[in-house]
Amino acid sequence: MVATLLLGSCRNAPPREVARVDAASDSSPAAPPAAAPPTTGPQRSAAAPDSVRGVVSLTGAQPHGTYVLEHAGTAFALVGDTSLFASINGFDVRAEGRRTGRINESAGPRGLPEFDVTRLFVRAVAGEPAIDGILRREGASWILVLADGSRRTIPHLPAALEVHENRRIYLTGSLDRPPSSYGRIGR
């Protein structure tokens, strides 16, 4: 019989094996598993999956500016689709991806750590809660398909958004009334 002891590590990281005992080949009493090294806080490698939240802004002048995500005094230089970042400039978002381990020297006087964005979700626009997803038409109804696959019926879709069928959009406010703001995300 083989027993494996797994130790959970930081958020979003898979557990790692810290001890393996093969009971059939070892007749000595089982030793306690090795203790994990002490930590002073979350430990993340540069390549570990992560998520960050904050408001997107452009630092510097286009076309050579850097999009930055900032929240509560912590900031990251965003790496990825700049047309996506441009369409959500000023929005409160949650970005998924990874820290690259590099510093973007052009992002501020001391530079900023880079965050390579793989997925991004709009959370608020001008302080108002927002959702985003792919706009679909099903019969006479408009549906917003969210990243998790769930679907929301949009009973008050602004006519200006109808041309963005099968594209990613955002809406603010409650879905039971017309949105207070809306728009297309990305190209």
C-alpha atoms as a PDB file:
ATOM      1  CA  MET A   1       0.000   0.000   0.000  1.00  0.00           C
ATOM      2  CA  VAL A   2       1.283   3.469  -0.893  1.00  0.00           C
ATOM      3  CA  ALA A   3       0.122   6.469   1.123  1.00  0.00           C
ATOM      4  CA  THR A   4       0.789   9.970  -0.082  1.00  0.00           C
ATOM      5  CA  LEU A   5       0.540  13.084   2.056  1.00  0.00           C
ATOM      6  CA  LEU A   6      -0.394  16.204   0.131  1.00  0.00           C
ATOM      7  CA  LEU A   7       0.087  19.685   1.445  1.00  0.00           C
ATOM      8  CA  GLY A   8      -2.050  22.522   0.099  1.00  0.00           C
ATOM      9  CA  SER A   9      -0.099  25.589  -0.844  1.00  0.00           C
ATOM     10  CA  CYS A  10      -1.169  29.120  -1.701  1.00  0.00           C
ATOM     11  CA  ARG A  11      -4.456  30.021  -3.323  1.00  0.00           C
ATOM     12  CA  ASN A  12      -4.982  28.577  -6.801  1.00  0.00           C
ATOM     13  CA  ALA A  13      -1.881  26.373  -6.614  1.00  0.00           C
ATOM     14  CA  PRO A  14      -2.198  22.584  -6.690  1.00  0.00           C
ATOM     15  CA  PRO A  15      -1.277  20.616  -3.575  1.00  0.00           C
ATOM     16  CA  ARG A  16       2.257  19.263  -3.491  1.00  0.00           C
ATOM     17  CA  GLU A  17       3.491  15.912  -2.290  1.00  0.00           C
ATOM     18  CA  VAL A  18       5.539  16.171   0.911  1.00  0.00           C
ATOM     19  CA  ALA A  19       5.833  12.518   1.958  1.00  0.00           C
ATOM     20  CA  ARG A  20       5.263   9.131   0.344  1.00  0.00           C
ATOM     21  CA  VAL A  21       5.306   5.880   2.291  1.00  0.00           C
ATOM     22  CA  ASP A  22       5.193   2.407   0.752  1.00  0.00           C
ATOM     23  CA  ALA A  23       3.915   0.243   3.629  1.00  0.00           C
ATOM     24  CA  ALA A  24       4.713  -3.022   1.821  1.00  0.00           C
ATOM     25  CA  SER A  25       8.434  -2.310   1.579  1.00  0.00           C
ATOM     26  CA  ASP A  26       9.009  -0.447   4.841  1.00  0.00           C
ATOM     27  CA  SER A  27       8.388  -2.270   8.130  1.00  0.00           C
ATOM     28  CA  SER A  28       9.782   0.522  10.325  1.00  0.00           C
ATOM     29  CA  PRO A  29       7.394   2.656  12.324  1.00  0.00           C
ATOM     30  CA  ALA A  30       6.010   5.527  10.300  1.00  0.00           C
ATOM     31  CA  ALA A  31       7.822   8.763  10.877  1.00  0.00           C
ATOM     32  CA  PRO A  32       5.774  11.923  11.066  1.00  0.00           C
ATOM     33  CA  PRO A  33       5.655  13.812   7.770  1.00  0.00           C
ATOM     34  CA  ALA A  34       8.133  16.599   7.261  1.00  0.00           C
ATOM     35  CA  ALA A  35       6.748  19.939   8.316  1.00  0.00           C
ATOM     36  CA  ALA A  36       6.229  22.537   5.645  1.00  0.00           C
ATOM     37  CA  PRO A  37       8.608  25.461   5.840  1.00  0.00           C
ATOM     38  CA  PRO A  38       7.173  28.391   7.774  1.00  0.00           C
ATOM     39  CA  THR A  39       5.732  31.209   5.709  1.00  0.00           C
ATOM     40  CA  THR A  40       5.056  34.811   6.536  1.00  0.00           C
ATOM     41  CA  GLY A  41       2.299  35.223   3.984  1.00  0.00           C
ATOM     42  CA  PRO A  42       1.080  33.914   0.645  1.00  0.00           C
ATOM     43  CA  GLN A  43       3.953  32.569  -1.420  1.00  0.00           C
ATOM     44  CA  ARG A  44       3.582  32.883  -5.191  1.00  0.00           C
ATOM     45  CA  SER A  45       5.995  31.958  -7.901  1.00  0.00           C
ATOM     46  CA  ALA A  46       6.172  34.276 -10.887  1.00  0.00           C
ATOM     47  CA  ALA A  47       4.367  31.694 -13.058  1.00  0.00           C
ATOM     48  CA  ALA A  48       1.613  30.706 -10.601  1.00  0.00           C
ATOM     49  CA  PRO A  49      -1.977  31.446 -11.734  1.00  0.00           C
ATOM     50  CA  ASP A  50      -3.369  34.428  -9.912  1.00  0.00           C
ATOM     51  CA  SER A  51      -6.048  37.086 -10.012  1.00  0.00           C
ATOM     52  CA  VAL A  52      -5.935  40.780  -9.257  1.00  0.00           C
ATOM     53  CA  ARG A  53      -8.634  43.389  -8.964  1.00  0.00           C
ATOM     54  CA  GLY A  54      -8.581  47.113  -9.532  1.00  0.00           C
ATOM     55  CA  VAL A  55      -9.255  50.019 -11.850  1.00  0.00           C
ATOM     56  CA  VAL A  56      -7.643  50.079 -15.295  1.00  0.00           C
ATOM     57  CA  SER A  57      -5.886  53.276 -16.353  1.00  0.00           C
ATOM     58  CA  LEU A  58      -3.427  54.358 -19.018  1.00  0.00           C
ATOM     59  CA  THR A  59      -0.049  55.670 -17.875  1.00  0.00           C
ATOM     60  CA  GLY A  60       1.857  57.682 -20.476  1.00  0.00           C
ATOM     61  CA  ALA A  61       0.722  58.730 -23.913  1.00  0.00           C
ATOM     62  CA  GLN A  62      -0.633  56.443 -26.570  1.00  0.00           C
ATOM     63  CA  PRO A  63       0.559  54.546 -28.551  1.00  0.00           C
ATOM     64  CA  HIS A  64       3.433  53.831 -26.158  1.00  0.00           C
ATOM     65  CA  GLY A  65       1.553  54.101 -22.877  1.00  0.00           C
ATOM     66  CA  THR A  66       1.133  51.286 -20.374  1.00  0.00           C
ATOM     67  CA  TYR A  67      -2.196  50.052 -19.031  1.00  0.00           C
ATOM     68  CA  VAL A  68      -2.093  49.733 -15.259  1.00  0.00           C
ATOM     69  CA  LEU A  69      -4.410  47.980 -12.816  1.00  0.00           C
ATOM     70  CA  GLU A  70      -4.463  49.638  -9.390  1.00  0.00           C
ATOM     71  CA  HIS A  71      -6.300  48.889  -6.155  1.00  0.00           C
ATOM     72  CA  ALA A  72      -5.616  49.996  -2.580  1.00  0.00           C
ATOM     73  CA  GLY A  73      -2.071  51.150  -3.288  1.00  0.00           C
ATOM     74  CA  THR A  74      -1.039  48.045  -5.235  1.00  0.00           C
ATOM     75  CA  ALA A  75      -0.518  48.365  -8.978  1.00  0.00           C
ATOM     76  CA  PHE A  76       0.474  46.138 -11.882  1.00  0.00           C
ATOM     77  CA  ALA A  77       1.461  46.913 -15.470  1.00  0.00           C
ATOM     78  CA  LEU A  78      -0.915  44.876 -17.636  1.00  0.00           C
ATOM     79  CA  VAL A  79       0.448  42.644 -20.386  1.00  0.00           C
ATOM     80  CA  GLY A  80      -1.907  41.384 -23.080  1.00  0.00           C
ATOM     81  CA  ASP A  81      -4.495  42.683 -25.537  1.00  0.00           C
ATOM     82  CA  THR A  82      -4.154  46.484 -25.464  1.00  0.00           C
ATOM     83  CA  SER A  83      -7.371  46.931 -27.496  1.00  0.00           C
ATOM     84  CA  LEU A  84      -9.186  45.116 -24.703  1.00  0.00           C
ATOM     85  CA  PHE A  85      -7.559  47.308 -22.047  1.00  0.00           C
ATOM     86  CA  ALA A  86      -8.389  50.471 -24.029  1.00  0.00           C
ATOM     87  CA  SER A  87     -12.082  49.524 -24.142  1.00  0.00           C
ATOM     88  CA  ILE A  88     -12.244  49.186 -20.336  1.00  0.00           C
ATOM     89  CA  ASN A  89     -10.084  52.149 -19.343  1.00  0.00           C
ATOM     90  CA  GLY A  90     -11.456  53.474 -16.033  1.00  0.00           C
ATOM     91  CA  PHE A  91     -13.415  50.288 -15.226  1.00  0.00           C
ATOM     92  CA  ASP A  92     -13.134  48.221 -12.042  1.00  0.00           C
ATOM     93  CA  VAL A  93     -12.153  44.722 -13.200  1.00  0.00           C
ATOM     94  CA  ARG A  94     -10.906  41.355 -11.995  1.00  0.00           C
ATOM     95  CA  ALA A  95      -8.050  40.061 -14.103  1.00  0.00           C
ATOM     96  CA  GLU A  96      -6.853  36.465 -14.172  1.00  0.00           C
ATOM     97  CA  GLY A  97      -3.418  35.501 -15.374  1.00  0.00           C
ATOM     98  CA  ARG A  98       0.039  35.393 -13.864  1.00  0.00           C
ATOM     99  CA  ARG A  99       2.740  37.637 -12.544  1.00  0.00           C
ATOM    100  CA  THR A 100       5.609  37.580 -15.028  1.00  0.00           C
ATOM    101  CA  GLY A 101       8.372  38.354 -12.534  1.00  0.00           C
ATOM    102  CA  ARG A 102       9.454  41.310 -14.699  1.00  0.00           C
ATOM    103  CA  ILE A 103       9.265  45.025 -13.907  1.00  0.00           C
ATOM    104  CA  ASN A 104       7.871  47.363 -16.566  1.00  0.00           C
ATOM    105  CA  GLU A 105      10.232  50.344 -16.229  1.00  0.00           C
ATOM    106  CA  SER A 106       8.013  52.659 -18.312  1.00  0.00           C
ATOM    107  CA  ALA A 107       5.074  52.321 -15.884  1.00  0.00           C
ATOM    108  CA  GLY A 108       5.720  55.027 -13.339  1.00  0.00           C
ATOM    109  CA  PRO A 109       8.881  56.450 -11.784  1.00  0.00           C
ATOM    110  CA  ARG A 110       9.967  53.151 -10.169  1.00  0.00           C
ATOM    111  CA  GLY A 111       8.338  50.802 -12.660  1.00  0.00           C
ATOM    112  CA  LEU A 112       5.619  48.268 -11.859  1.00  0.00           C
ATOM    113  CA  PRO A 113       5.493  44.472 -11.730  1.00  0.00           C
ATOM    114  CA  GLU A 114       3.910  43.006 -14.852  1.00  0.00           C
ATOM    115  CA  PHE A 115       0.729  40.945 -14.808  1.00  0.00           C
ATOM    116  CA  ASP A 116       0.027  38.870 -17.951  1.00  0.00           C
ATOM    117  CA  VAL A 117      -3.768  38.876 -18.384  1.00  0.00           C
ATOM    118  CA  THR A 118      -5.457  35.737 -19.709  1.00  0.00           C
ATOM    119  CA  ARG A 119      -9.057  36.579 -18.685  1.00  0.00           C
ATOM    120  CA  LEU A 120     -10.721  39.736 -17.504  1.00  0.00           C
ATOM    121  CA  PHE A 121     -14.137  40.482 -15.991  1.00  0.00           C
ATOM    122  CA  VAL A 122     -15.806  43.881 -15.641  1.00  0.00           C
ATOM    123  CA  ARG A 123     -17.074  44.362 -12.076  1.00  0.00           C
ATOM    124  CA  ALA A 124     -18.125  48.026 -12.011  1.00  0.00           C
ATOM    125  CA  VAL A 125     -18.215  51.142 -14.164  1.00  0.00           C
ATOM    126  CA  ALA A 126     -18.210  54.565 -12.485  1.00  0.00           C
ATOM    127  CA  GLY A 127     -18.933  52.828  -9.177  1.00  0.00           C
ATOM    128  CA  GLU A 128     -22.014  50.997 -10.455  1.00  0.00           C
ATOM    129  CA  PRO A 129     -22.070  47.161 -10.548  1.00  0.00           C
ATOM    130  CA  ALA A 130     -21.639  45.717 -14.027  1.00  0.00           C
ATOM    131  CA  ILE A 131     -21.694  42.375 -15.810  1.00  0.00           C
ATOM    132  CA  ASP A 132     -20.132  41.397 -19.090  1.00  0.00           C
ATOM    133  CA  GLY A 133     -20.519  38.564 -21.517  1.00  0.00           C
ATOM    134  CA  ILE A 134     -21.286  37.588 -25.094  1.00  0.00           C
ATOM    135  CA  LEU A 135     -24.529  39.007 -26.491  1.00  0.00           C
ATOM    136  CA  ARG A 136     -26.721  36.379 -28.186  1.00  0.00           C
ATOM    137  CA  ARG A 137     -30.180  36.453 -29.715  1.00  0.00           C
ATOM    138  CA  GLU A 138     -32.467  33.501 -28.988  1.00  0.00           C
ATOM    139  CA  GLY A 139     -35.773  33.837 -30.793  1.00  0.00           C
ATOM    140  CA  ALA A 140     -37.199  37.211 -29.776  1.00  0.00           C
ATOM    141  CA  SER A 141     -35.013  37.434 -26.631  1.00  0.00           C
ATOM    142  CA  TRP A 142     -31.551  38.864 -26.036  1.00  0.00           C
ATOM    143  CA  ILE A 143     -29.267  36.799 -23.806  1.00  0.00           C
ATOM    144  CA  LEU A 144     -25.935  37.646 -22.187  1.00  0.00           C
ATOM    145  CA  VAL A 145     -23.725  34.544 -21.874  1.00  0.00           C
ATOM    146  CA  LEU A 146     -21.290  35.047 -18.995  1.00  0.00           C
ATOM    147  CA  ALA A 147     -17.765  33.597 -18.827  1.00  0.00           C
ATOM    148  CA  ASP A 148     -18.948  30.760 -16.559  1.00  0.00           C
ATOM    149  CA  GLY A 149     -21.543  29.741 -19.168  1.00  0.00           C
ATOM    150  CA  SER A 150     -24.531  31.046 -17.216  1.00  0.00           C
ATOM    151  CA  ARG A 151     -27.099  33.044 -19.145  1.00  0.00           C
ATOM    152  CA  ARG A 152     -28.949  36.245 -18.311  1.00  0.00           C
ATOM    153  CA  THR A 153     -31.986  37.446 -20.236  1.00  0.00           C
ATOM    154  CA  ILE A 154     -31.685  41.121 -21.187  1.00  0.00           C
ATOM    155  CA  PRO A 155     -35.267  42.433 -21.388  1.00  0.00           C
ATOM    156  CA  HIS A 156     -34.197  46.074 -21.923  1.00  0.00           C
ATOM    157  CA  LEU A 157     -31.339  45.841 -24.415  1.00  0.00           C
ATOM    158  CA  PRO A 158     -30.515  49.273 -25.840  1.00  0.00           C
ATOM    159  CA  ALA A 159     -31.069  49.292 -29.624  1.00  0.00           C
ATOM    160  CA  ALA A 160     -27.480  50.523 -30.099  1.00  0.00           C
ATOM    161  CA  LEU A 161     -26.184  47.175 -28.790  1.00  0.00           C
ATOM    162  CA  GLU A 162     -28.141  45.007 -31.236  1.00  0.00           C
ATOM    163  CA  VAL A 163     -25.377  45.419 -33.841  1.00  0.00           C
ATOM    164  CA  HIS A 164     -22.968  43.786 -31.379  1.00  0.00           C
ATOM    165  CA  GLU A 165     -24.642  40.365 -31.472  1.00  0.00           C
ATOM    166  CA  ASN A 166     -22.068  37.603 -30.804  1.00  0.00           C
ATOM    167  CA  ARG A 167     -19.635  40.169 -29.375  1.00  0.00           C
ATOM    168  CA  ARG A 168     -18.571  40.888 -25.822  1.00  0.00           C
ATOM    169  CA  ILE A 169     -20.464  43.735 -24.110  1.00  0.00           C
ATOM    170  CA  TYR A 170     -20.950  45.142 -20.609  1.00  0.00           C
ATOM    171  CA  LEU A 171     -24.072  46.454 -18.911  1.00  0.00           C
ATOM    172  CA  THR A 172     -24.392  48.381 -15.642  1.00  0.00           C
ATOM    173  CA  GLY A 173     -27.284  48.430 -13.218  1.00  0.00           C
ATOM    174  CA  SER A 174     -30.091  45.995 -12.649  1.00  0.00           C
ATOM    175  CA  LEU A 175     -31.209  43.873 -15.596  1.00  0.00           C
ATOM    176  CA  ASP A 176     -34.875  44.487 -14.782  1.00  0.00           C
ATOM    177  CA  ARG A 177     -34.576  48.027 -16.214  1.00  0.00           C
ATOM    178  CA  PRO A 178     -32.577  49.673 -18.998  1.00  0.00           C
ATOM    179  CA  PRO A 179     -28.840  49.797 -18.196  1.00  0.00           C
ATOM    180  CA  SER A 180     -27.406  53.110 -17.044  1.00  0.00           C
ATOM    181  CA  SER A 181     -24.306  52.511 -19.180  1.00  0.00           C
ATOM    182  CA  TYR A 182     -23.268  49.906 -21.689  1.00  0.00           C
ATOM    183  CA  GLY A 183     -20.799  49.237 -24.444  1.00  0.00           C
ATOM    184  CA  ARG A 184     -18.685  46.828 -26.381  1.00  0.00           C
ATOM    185  CA  ILE A 185     -15.525  45.303 -24.913  1.00  0.00           C
ATOM    186  CA  GLY A 186     -12.507  44.786 -27.149  1.00  0.00           C
ATOM    187  CA  ARG A 187     -12.389  45.084 -30.911  1.00  0.00           C
END
